[in-house]
Amino acid sequence: MVLMDYHALTIDEPRTAPARKQQYLVICAVMAGAFVYTLLTSGLLDSIQIGTGTFPGGTFMFKNSTRDYAASMGLMDEIGNTYNISRSKYADLLYHLYLDHPWKVGGDQQRFATGIVMKNKKDYPPILDKSRILKDKTRLQAFQQQDFDYSVLPSHKASVTQFPHSLGFVSALIVSYKVLPALMKHAINESGPGAVSPVVLMTCAPNERMCTYYAPHATTKNTKAYQAFWLGQEDADTYMKTCETGIHALVDIRGIQRDVIKVVTWPYNFFLGGNKKSSENDKEEL
């Protein structure tokens, strides 16, 4: 059997050949169309309808992370794969809990937790039997060499919304900079006098491309009851005082430049035989 690839078939063609330029333009047009489609299916133009409801509560088995919120969806899948939880069962079981306002805290300082909220016995994966959780937490060492912890989250009045999620990077950005701020603002307004910054919990139904969000209402009067949602960490208002501010705190300028260059030059590198060497930055963990 003879195997041939695109570069082998076109090795004798000059890079400036009209056919190659035409192929490059076609690929760029396809990528641009795909990008626009991704924006639309990620909910860029969708309005956010927020109401008041109740976060159901439960025992939250979680792992803390401090990184850009855009990385959170991949961590949800990693936990699902670790415990053989199919995507059809993610909803109301796997959660992210976002502790900080993404417009106020830079990506490398944003705190969130990812894990499983267990409300009753039928929700427990076999490995997460509650009697073993409380007696031997070392059984839960499975996620990036870090122990899972747990917190009993109370049922709590919350601002609630549903919003589409394409499970991609663009959708993750829309969640960070559109959905979370809107939900936090609604929760503060609904909490009334003494309102403080709330957390937001997100659970998704990947097969339906839809996520549900809860922002439990936080005030100076319910600080003690709300403490469980902070997972043993500082509340958002206290934490923010220690964080960097300004455009460089909110935006990874170099990272954006690097990613834009990758996207723009990928067709050239692939079809016209550009430099294929990956940079050290490509090896960084998400």
Protein backbone atom coordinates (compact mmCIF):
# COMPACT_ATOMS: atom_id res chain seq x y z
CA MET A 1 0.00 0.00 0.00
CA VAL A 2 1.30 3.43 -0.93
CA LEU A 3 0.57 6.24 1.52
CA MET A 4 0.64 9.83 0.32
CA ASP A 5 -0.11 13.08 2.12
CA TYR A 6 -0.84 16.58 0.86
CA HIS A 7 2.77 17.79 1.20
CA ALA A 8 4.11 14.79 -0.73
CA LEU A 9 1.68 15.40 -3.58
CA THR A 10 2.53 19.11 -3.84
CA ILE A 11 6.25 19.02 -3.03
CA ASP A 12 7.22 20.12 -6.54
CA GLU A 13 4.82 23.07 -6.64
CA PRO A 14 6.19 26.51 -5.77
CA ARG A 15 4.69 28.14 -2.69
CA THR A 16 3.54 31.07 -4.80
CA ALA A 17 1.58 28.85 -7.20
CA PRO A 18 -1.95 30.23 -7.90
CA ALA A 19 -3.50 26.90 -6.85
CA ARG A 20 -1.88 27.09 -3.41
CA LYS A 21 -3.02 30.66 -2.90
CA GLN A 22 -6.53 29.68 -3.85
CA GLN A 23 -6.48 26.77 -1.42
CA TYR A 24 -5.24 29.08 1.31
CA LEU A 25 -8.11 31.53 0.70
CA VAL A 26 -10.68 28.72 0.72
CA ILE A 27 -9.37 27.37 4.01
CA CYS A 28 -9.40 30.86 5.56
CA ALA A 29 -13.00 31.37 4.41
CA VAL A 30 -14.05 28.01 5.88
CA MET A 31 -12.35 28.82 9.18
CA ALA A 32 -13.97 32.25 9.32
CA GLY A 33 -17.38 30.70 8.70
CA ALA A 34 -16.77 28.09 11.37
CA PHE A 35 -15.72 30.80 13.82
CA VAL A 36 -18.89 32.84 13.18
CA TYR A 37 -20.99 29.68 13.58
CA THR A 38 -19.25 28.95 16.88
CA LEU A 39 -20.00 32.45 18.16
CA LEU A 40 -23.68 32.09 17.31
CA THR A 41 -24.09 28.61 18.81
CA SER A 42 -22.22 29.71 21.94
CA GLY A 43 -24.93 32.23 22.78
CA LEU A 44 -23.12 35.45 21.87
CA LEU A 45 -26.35 37.11 20.73
CA ASP A 46 -28.69 35.33 23.17
CA SER A 47 -30.30 37.34 25.95
CA ILE A 48 -29.96 36.15 29.54
CA GLN A 49 -33.25 35.53 31.35
CA ILE A 50 -32.62 35.40 35.10
CA GLY A 51 -35.16 34.45 37.74
CA THR A 52 -35.20 33.59 41.43
CA GLY A 53 -35.18 30.00 42.61
CA THR A 54 -33.35 27.67 44.99
CA PHE A 55 -29.99 25.97 44.79
CA PRO A 56 -30.78 22.42 45.98
CA GLY A 57 -27.63 21.90 48.06
CA GLY A 58 -25.76 18.67 48.77
CA THR A 59 -22.36 17.25 49.66
CA PHE A 60 -19.82 18.80 47.27
CA MET A 61 -16.76 16.70 46.47
CA PHE A 62 -14.37 19.07 44.76
CA LYS A 63 -10.89 20.04 43.67
CA ASN A 64 -9.81 23.68 43.86
CA SER A 65 -8.17 25.45 40.94
CA THR A 66 -6.72 28.92 40.41
CA ARG A 67 -6.61 29.61 36.68
CA ASP A 68 -8.68 31.19 33.95
CA TYR A 69 -12.32 30.14 34.10
CA ALA A 70 -12.09 29.12 30.43
CA ALA A 71 -10.22 25.98 31.57
CA SER A 72 -13.03 24.75 33.79
CA MET A 73 -14.99 22.66 31.27
CA GLY A 74 -12.03 20.42 30.57
CA LEU A 75 -11.66 19.72 34.28
CA MET A 76 -15.31 18.70 34.49
CA ASP A 77 -14.71 16.13 31.75
CA GLU A 78 -11.60 14.88 33.52
CA ILE A 79 -13.59 14.18 36.69
CA GLY A 80 -16.37 12.58 34.65
CA ASN A 81 -13.87 10.30 32.92
CA THR A 82 -12.12 9.45 36.18
CA TYR A 83 -15.33 8.15 37.73
CA ASN A 84 -16.90 6.76 34.55
CA ILE A 85 -19.74 9.28 34.57
CA SER A 86 -21.19 9.64 31.09
CA ARG A 87 -21.96 13.10 29.77
CA SER A 88 -25.66 12.24 29.79
CA LYS A 89 -25.49 12.20 33.61
CA TYR A 90 -23.51 15.43 34.18
CA ALA A 91 -26.56 17.63 34.82
CA ASP A 92 -27.28 18.22 38.52
CA LEU A 93 -24.32 16.01 39.46
CA LEU A 94 -21.10 17.59 38.17
CA TYR A 95 -20.66 21.26 39.09
CA HIS A 96 -18.27 24.16 38.85
CA LEU A 97 -18.31 26.67 41.68
CA TYR A 98 -16.89 30.07 40.66
CA LEU A 99 -15.71 32.22 43.57
CA ASP A 100 -14.60 35.47 41.87
CA HIS A 101 -15.96 38.09 39.49
CA PRO A 102 -14.15 37.53 36.15
CA TRP A 103 -14.17 41.26 35.30
CA LYS A 104 -12.45 42.13 38.57
CA VAL A 105 -9.93 39.31 39.01
CA GLY A 106 -7.31 38.37 36.40
CA GLY A 107 -7.39 34.99 34.69
CA ASP A 108 -4.37 33.58 36.51
CA GLN A 109 -5.95 34.51 39.87
CA GLN A 110 -9.52 33.34 39.28
CA ARG A 111 -10.59 30.73 41.82
CA PHE A 112 -13.03 27.93 41.12
CA ALA A 113 -13.77 24.39 42.21
CA THR A 114 -14.91 21.42 40.15
CA GLY A 115 -16.57 18.34 41.51
CA ILE A 116 -19.68 16.32 42.29
CA VAL A 117 -22.69 17.48 44.29
CA MET A 118 -24.37 14.45 45.85
CA LYS A 119 -27.91 15.07 47.05
CA ASN A 120 -29.00 11.52 47.83
CA LYS A 121 -27.78 7.94 47.72
CA LYS A 122 -28.81 7.22 44.13
CA ASP A 123 -26.55 10.05 42.92
CA TYR A 124 -23.36 8.53 44.37
CA PRO A 125 -21.01 6.79 41.96
CA PRO A 126 -19.88 3.53 43.62
CA ILE A 127 -16.41 4.92 44.38
CA LEU A 128 -17.95 7.89 46.16
CA ASP A 129 -19.90 6.01 48.81
CA LYS A 130 -20.55 8.62 51.52
CA SER A 131 -19.39 6.41 54.43
CA ARG A 132 -15.97 6.06 52.77
CA ILE A 133 -15.79 9.74 51.82
CA LEU A 134 -15.95 10.93 55.41
CA LYS A 135 -13.66 8.22 56.79
CA ASP A 136 -10.98 7.97 54.12
CA LYS A 137 -10.65 10.90 51.74
CA THR A 138 -7.45 9.43 50.28
CA ARG A 139 -9.68 7.15 48.17
CA LEU A 140 -10.46 10.25 46.11
CA GLN A 141 -6.88 10.91 44.99
CA ALA A 142 -7.39 10.83 41.24
CA PHE A 143 -7.24 14.33 39.86
CA GLN A 144 -3.86 15.86 39.03
CA GLN A 145 -2.20 14.34 42.10
CA GLN A 146 -4.32 16.44 44.43
CA ASP A 147 -6.78 15.24 47.03
CA PHE A 148 -10.43 16.08 46.65
CA ASP A 149 -12.03 17.91 49.55
CA TYR A 150 -15.66 18.23 50.49
CA SER A 151 -18.14 20.79 51.78
CA VAL A 152 -21.79 20.40 52.70
CA LEU A 153 -23.55 23.13 50.70
CA PRO A 154 -26.93 24.22 52.09
CA SER A 155 -30.10 24.62 50.07
CA HIS A 156 -30.20 28.37 49.43
CA LYS A 157 -32.28 31.04 47.70
CA ALA A 158 -30.50 31.95 44.46
CA SER A 159 -30.63 33.79 41.16
CA VAL A 160 -31.05 31.13 38.47
CA THR A 161 -30.68 31.02 34.70
CA GLN A 162 -30.08 28.62 31.84
CA PHE A 163 -27.79 29.45 28.94
CA PRO A 164 -26.45 27.51 25.95
CA HIS A 165 -22.94 26.10 26.05
CA SER A 166 -21.18 24.67 23.00
CA LEU A 167 -18.55 23.00 25.23
CA GLY A 168 -15.86 24.94 23.38
CA PHE A 169 -13.38 27.66 24.26
CA VAL A 170 -15.48 30.48 22.79
CA SER A 171 -18.49 29.41 24.83
CA ALA A 172 -16.32 29.31 27.95
CA LEU A 173 -15.30 32.93 27.34
CA ILE A 174 -18.93 33.97 26.91
CA VAL A 175 -19.78 32.30 30.20
CA SER A 176 -16.91 34.10 31.94
CA TYR A 177 -17.54 37.59 30.62
CA LYS A 178 -21.28 37.60 29.92
CA VAL A 179 -23.20 35.05 31.99
CA LEU A 180 -21.34 35.11 35.32
CA PRO A 181 -21.24 38.93 35.67
CA ALA A 182 -24.95 39.23 34.80
CA LEU A 183 -25.90 36.55 37.31
CA MET A 184 -23.73 38.05 40.06
CA LYS A 185 -25.26 41.48 39.46
CA HIS A 186 -28.78 40.04 39.66
CA ALA A 187 -27.97 38.19 42.89
CA ILE A 188 -26.61 41.35 44.51
CA ASN A 189 -29.67 43.36 43.47
CA GLU A 190 -32.05 40.67 44.75
CA SER A 191 -30.20 40.26 48.05
CA GLY A 192 -31.13 43.78 49.14
CA PRO A 193 -29.37 45.79 51.87
CA GLY A 194 -26.06 44.33 53.03
CA ALA A 195 -25.53 42.38 49.80
CA VAL A 196 -22.00 41.08 49.17
CA SER A 197 -20.37 39.33 46.22
CA PRO A 198 -21.86 35.87 45.63
CA VAL A 199 -20.49 32.65 44.19
CA VAL A 200 -21.93 31.03 41.06
CA LEU A 201 -22.49 27.31 40.55
CA MET A 202 -22.81 25.82 37.07
CA THR A 203 -24.01 22.38 36.02
CA CYS A 204 -24.33 21.32 32.38
CA ALA A 205 -26.17 18.85 30.19
CA PRO A 206 -23.55 18.46 27.43
CA ASN A 207 -25.79 16.39 25.15
CA GLU A 208 -28.35 19.20 25.21
CA ARG A 209 -25.69 21.93 25.04
CA MET A 210 -27.33 23.75 27.92
CA CYS A 211 -26.08 24.78 31.37
CA THR A 212 -27.93 25.85 34.52
CA TYR A 213 -26.45 28.51 36.79
CA TYR A 214 -27.15 29.34 40.44
CA ALA A 215 -25.93 32.43 42.32
CA PRO A 216 -26.93 31.93 45.98
CA HIS A 217 -27.79 35.28 47.53
CA ALA A 218 -25.16 36.55 49.97
CA THR A 219 -25.55 39.29 52.58
CA THR A 220 -23.76 40.41 55.70
CA LYS A 221 -26.60 38.81 57.67
CA ASN A 222 -26.14 35.27 56.31
CA THR A 223 -22.34 35.20 56.36
CA LYS A 224 -22.20 32.14 58.63
CA ALA A 225 -24.65 30.11 56.55
CA TYR A 226 -22.87 31.19 53.35
CA GLN A 227 -19.43 30.14 54.60
CA ALA A 228 -19.78 26.65 53.12
CA PHE A 229 -19.89 28.15 49.61
CA TRP A 230 -16.44 29.71 50.06
CA LEU A 231 -14.95 26.21 50.54
CA GLY A 232 -12.63 27.34 53.31
CA GLN A 233 -11.23 30.25 51.29
CA GLU A 234 -11.56 34.02 51.57
CA ASP A 235 -14.75 35.61 50.33
CA ALA A 236 -14.50 37.38 46.97
CA ASP A 237 -14.45 40.92 48.34
CA THR A 238 -11.59 40.16 50.75
CA TYR A 239 -9.64 38.17 48.16
CA MET A 240 -9.94 40.89 45.53
CA LYS A 241 -8.01 43.33 47.73
CA THR A 242 -4.91 41.13 47.31
CA CYS A 243 -5.22 40.74 43.53
CA GLU A 244 -3.58 42.69 40.75
CA THR A 245 -5.65 45.28 38.93
CA GLY A 246 -5.54 46.89 35.50
CA ILE A 247 -5.72 45.56 31.97
CA HIS A 248 -2.81 43.15 32.37
CA ALA A 249 -4.51 41.55 35.37
CA LEU A 250 -7.69 40.96 33.38
CA VAL A 251 -6.21 40.06 29.99
CA ASP A 252 -3.27 37.82 29.11
CA ILE A 253 -2.04 40.07 26.29
CA ARG A 254 0.85 37.82 25.28
CA GLY A 255 -1.36 34.75 25.40
CA ILE A 256 -3.95 36.37 23.15
CA GLN A 257 -1.26 37.46 20.69
CA ARG A 258 0.17 33.94 20.61
CA ASP A 259 -3.24 32.34 20.06
CA VAL A 260 -4.23 34.80 17.32
CA ILE A 261 -0.96 34.14 15.47
CA LYS A 262 -1.59 30.39 15.71
CA VAL A 263 -5.09 30.69 14.27
CA VAL A 264 -4.08 33.04 11.46
CA THR A 265 -0.99 31.12 10.39
CA TRP A 266 -2.31 27.58 10.77
CA PRO A 267 -3.56 27.26 7.16
CA TYR A 268 -0.24 28.60 5.86
CA ASN A 269 1.78 26.23 8.03
CA PHE A 270 -0.33 23.24 7.10
CA PHE A 271 -0.83 23.79 3.38
CA LEU A 272 2.22 25.80 2.43
CA GLY A 273 4.78 23.93 4.49
CA GLY A 274 5.52 26.56 7.13
CA ASN A 275 7.43 25.97 10.35
CA LYS A 276 6.01 22.95 12.17
CA LYS A 277 8.03 23.27 15.33
CA SER A 278 5.88 23.78 18.41
CA SER A 279 6.91 26.37 20.96
CA GLU A 280 7.43 25.70 24.61
CA ASN A 281 4.18 27.54 25.32
CA ASP A 282 2.26 24.84 23.45
CA LYS A 283 3.36 22.40 26.11
CA GLU A 284 1.85 24.34 28.97
CA GLU A 285 -0.97 22.66 30.85
CA LEU A 286 -4.47 24.05 30.23
